[in-house]
Amino acid sequence: MKAIAYAAAAIRQMRKLPPPLRERIIAKMKRYAQTGAGDVKVMAGQPGARLRIGDWRVIFVETETEIEVRAVGHRREIYE
C-alpha cells in the first residue's frame, strides 16, 4: 500500500466538505492506494491524475511509494 500525503491546499479544501462526503473521499483514496481500483485518468496538460468520486474530483501525483493529494473539489471548480 502506498502512503497518502495531503498538500496544505487539499487539507483546507477537505475541511470545508460535509463529514460524510469527506469520509467517502478518504475511503476511495485508501482503496486506490491499496488496490489501484477507481475511476482514475491521467491529466492532460498538467502533471498527475484525477480520481472521480461522483461529482467530486481528487487531483493527485503518484510516485513509487506515495500518493500526494494536491486538490479536492467539485467537478465545476476543480479544473479552473
C-alpha atoms as a PDB file:
ATOM      1  CA  MET A   1       0.000   0.000   0.000  1.00  0.00           C
ATOM      2  CA  LYS A   2       1.249   3.448  -0.888  1.00  0.00           C
ATOM      3  CA  ALA A   3       1.256   6.240   1.693  1.00  0.00           C
ATOM      4  CA  ILE A   4      -1.201   9.083   1.115  1.00  0.00           C
ATOM      5  CA  ALA A   5       0.011  12.633   1.782  1.00  0.00           C
ATOM      6  CA  TYR A   6      -2.237  15.682   1.592  1.00  0.00           C
ATOM      7  CA  ALA A   7      -0.959  19.099   0.476  1.00  0.00           C
ATOM      8  CA  ALA A   8      -1.959  22.068   2.649  1.00  0.00           C
ATOM      9  CA  ALA A   9      -4.423  23.277  -0.008  1.00  0.00           C
ATOM     10  CA  ALA A  10      -6.080  19.855  -0.163  1.00  0.00           C
ATOM     11  CA  ILE A  11      -6.452  19.776   3.638  1.00  0.00           C
ATOM     12  CA  ARG A  12      -8.146  23.186   3.587  1.00  0.00           C
ATOM     13  CA  GLN A  13     -10.483  22.051   0.820  1.00  0.00           C
ATOM     14  CA  MET A  14     -11.340  18.819   2.665  1.00  0.00           C
ATOM     15  CA  ARG A  15     -12.193  20.692   5.877  1.00  0.00           C
ATOM     16  CA  LYS A  16     -14.906  22.641   4.019  1.00  0.00           C
ATOM     17  CA  LEU A  17     -16.706  19.477   2.936  1.00  0.00           C
ATOM     18  CA  PRO A  18     -19.522  17.809   4.906  1.00  0.00           C
ATOM     19  CA  PRO A  19     -18.181  14.914   7.049  1.00  0.00           C
ATOM     20  CA  PRO A  20     -19.973  12.104   5.123  1.00  0.00           C
ATOM     21  CA  LEU A  21     -18.502  13.317   1.831  1.00  0.00           C
ATOM     22  CA  ARG A  22     -15.057  13.749   3.378  1.00  0.00           C
ATOM     23  CA  GLU A  23     -15.168  10.170   4.702  1.00  0.00           C
ATOM     24  CA  ARG A  24     -16.258   8.871   1.293  1.00  0.00           C
ATOM     25  CA  ILE A  25     -13.354  10.651  -0.429  1.00  0.00           C
ATOM     26  CA  ILE A  26     -10.841   9.349   2.127  1.00  0.00           C
ATOM     27  CA  ALA A  27     -12.194   5.803   1.749  1.00  0.00           C
ATOM     28  CA  LYS A  28     -11.894   5.952  -2.057  1.00  0.00           C
ATOM     29  CA  MET A  29      -8.324   7.266  -1.816  1.00  0.00           C
ATOM     30  CA  LYS A  30      -7.386   4.459   0.587  1.00  0.00           C
ATOM     31  CA  ARG A  31      -8.968   1.911  -1.758  1.00  0.00           C
ATOM     32  CA  TYR A  32      -6.997   3.323  -4.689  1.00  0.00           C
ATOM     33  CA  ALA A  33      -3.752   3.301  -2.672  1.00  0.00           C
ATOM     34  CA  GLN A  34      -4.274  -0.352  -1.722  1.00  0.00           C
ATOM     35  CA  THR A  35      -5.616  -1.832  -4.943  1.00  0.00           C
ATOM     36  CA  GLY A  36      -5.283   0.713  -7.742  1.00  0.00           C
ATOM     37  CA  ALA A  37      -9.053   0.465  -8.273  1.00  0.00           C
ATOM     38  CA  GLY A  38     -11.096   3.545  -9.066  1.00  0.00           C
ATOM     39  CA  ASP A  39     -12.118   5.907 -11.850  1.00  0.00           C
ATOM     40  CA  VAL A  40      -8.667   7.419 -12.438  1.00  0.00           C
ATOM     41  CA  LYS A  41      -7.445   9.242 -15.529  1.00  0.00           C
ATOM     42  CA  VAL A  42      -4.117  10.890 -16.275  1.00  0.00           C
ATOM     43  CA  MET A  43      -4.435  14.673 -16.527  1.00  0.00           C
ATOM     44  CA  ALA A  44      -3.836  16.309 -19.897  1.00  0.00           C
ATOM     45  CA  GLY A  45      -1.617  19.374 -19.889  1.00  0.00           C
ATOM     46  CA  GLN A  46      -0.535  19.124 -16.255  1.00  0.00           C
ATOM     47  CA  PRO A  47       1.222  16.511 -14.121  1.00  0.00           C
ATOM     48  CA  GLY A  48      -0.763  13.987 -12.125  1.00  0.00           C
ATOM     49  CA  ALA A  49      -4.077  12.215 -12.327  1.00  0.00           C
ATOM     50  CA  ARG A  50      -7.621  12.641 -11.118  1.00  0.00           C
ATOM     51  CA  LEU A  51      -9.870  10.305  -9.164  1.00  0.00           C
ATOM     52  CA  ARG A  52     -13.595  10.714  -9.826  1.00  0.00           C
ATOM     53  CA  ILE A  53     -15.955  10.276  -6.883  1.00  0.00           C
ATOM     54  CA  GLY A  54     -19.422  11.186  -8.145  1.00  0.00           C
ATOM     55  CA  ASP A  55     -19.385  14.939  -8.852  1.00  0.00           C
ATOM     56  CA  TRP A  56     -16.168  15.370  -6.851  1.00  0.00           C
ATOM     57  CA  ARG A  57     -12.577  15.104  -8.058  1.00  0.00           C
ATOM     58  CA  VAL A  58      -9.281  14.443  -6.301  1.00  0.00           C
ATOM     59  CA  ILE A  59      -6.178  15.658  -8.133  1.00  0.00           C
ATOM     60  CA  PHE A  60      -3.018  13.784  -7.136  1.00  0.00           C
ATOM     61  CA  VAL A  61       0.522  12.919  -8.152  1.00  0.00           C
ATOM     62  CA  GLU A  62       1.682   9.343  -7.681  1.00  0.00           C
ATOM     63  CA  THR A  63       5.245   8.117  -7.105  1.00  0.00           C
ATOM     64  CA  GLU A  64       6.590   4.656  -6.361  1.00  0.00           C
ATOM     65  CA  THR A  65       5.930   4.960  -2.621  1.00  0.00           C
ATOM     66  CA  GLU A  66       3.460   7.806  -2.155  1.00  0.00           C
ATOM     67  CA  ILE A  67       0.308   9.456  -3.439  1.00  0.00           C
ATOM     68  CA  GLU A  68       0.312  13.226  -2.914  1.00  0.00           C
ATOM     69  CA  VAL A  69      -3.198  14.699  -2.980  1.00  0.00           C
ATOM     70  CA  ARG A  70      -2.930  18.233  -4.329  1.00  0.00           C
ATOM     71  CA  ALA A  71      -6.578  19.329  -4.664  1.00  0.00           C
ATOM     72  CA  VAL A  72     -10.106  18.223  -3.827  1.00  0.00           C
ATOM     73  CA  GLY A  73     -13.177  19.877  -5.281  1.00  0.00           C
ATOM     74  CA  HIS A  74     -16.402  19.784  -7.234  1.00  0.00           C
ATOM     75  CA  ARG A  75     -16.076  18.986 -10.930  1.00  0.00           C
ATOM     76  CA  ARG A  76     -17.289  22.511 -11.847  1.00  0.00           C
ATOM     77  CA  GLU A  77     -14.439  24.185  -9.998  1.00  0.00           C
ATOM     78  CA  ILE A  78     -11.506  21.802  -9.756  1.00  0.00           C
ATOM     79  CA  TYR A  79     -10.119  22.269 -13.274  1.00  0.00           C
ATOM     80  CA  GLU A  80     -10.046  26.089 -13.230  1.00  0.00           C
END
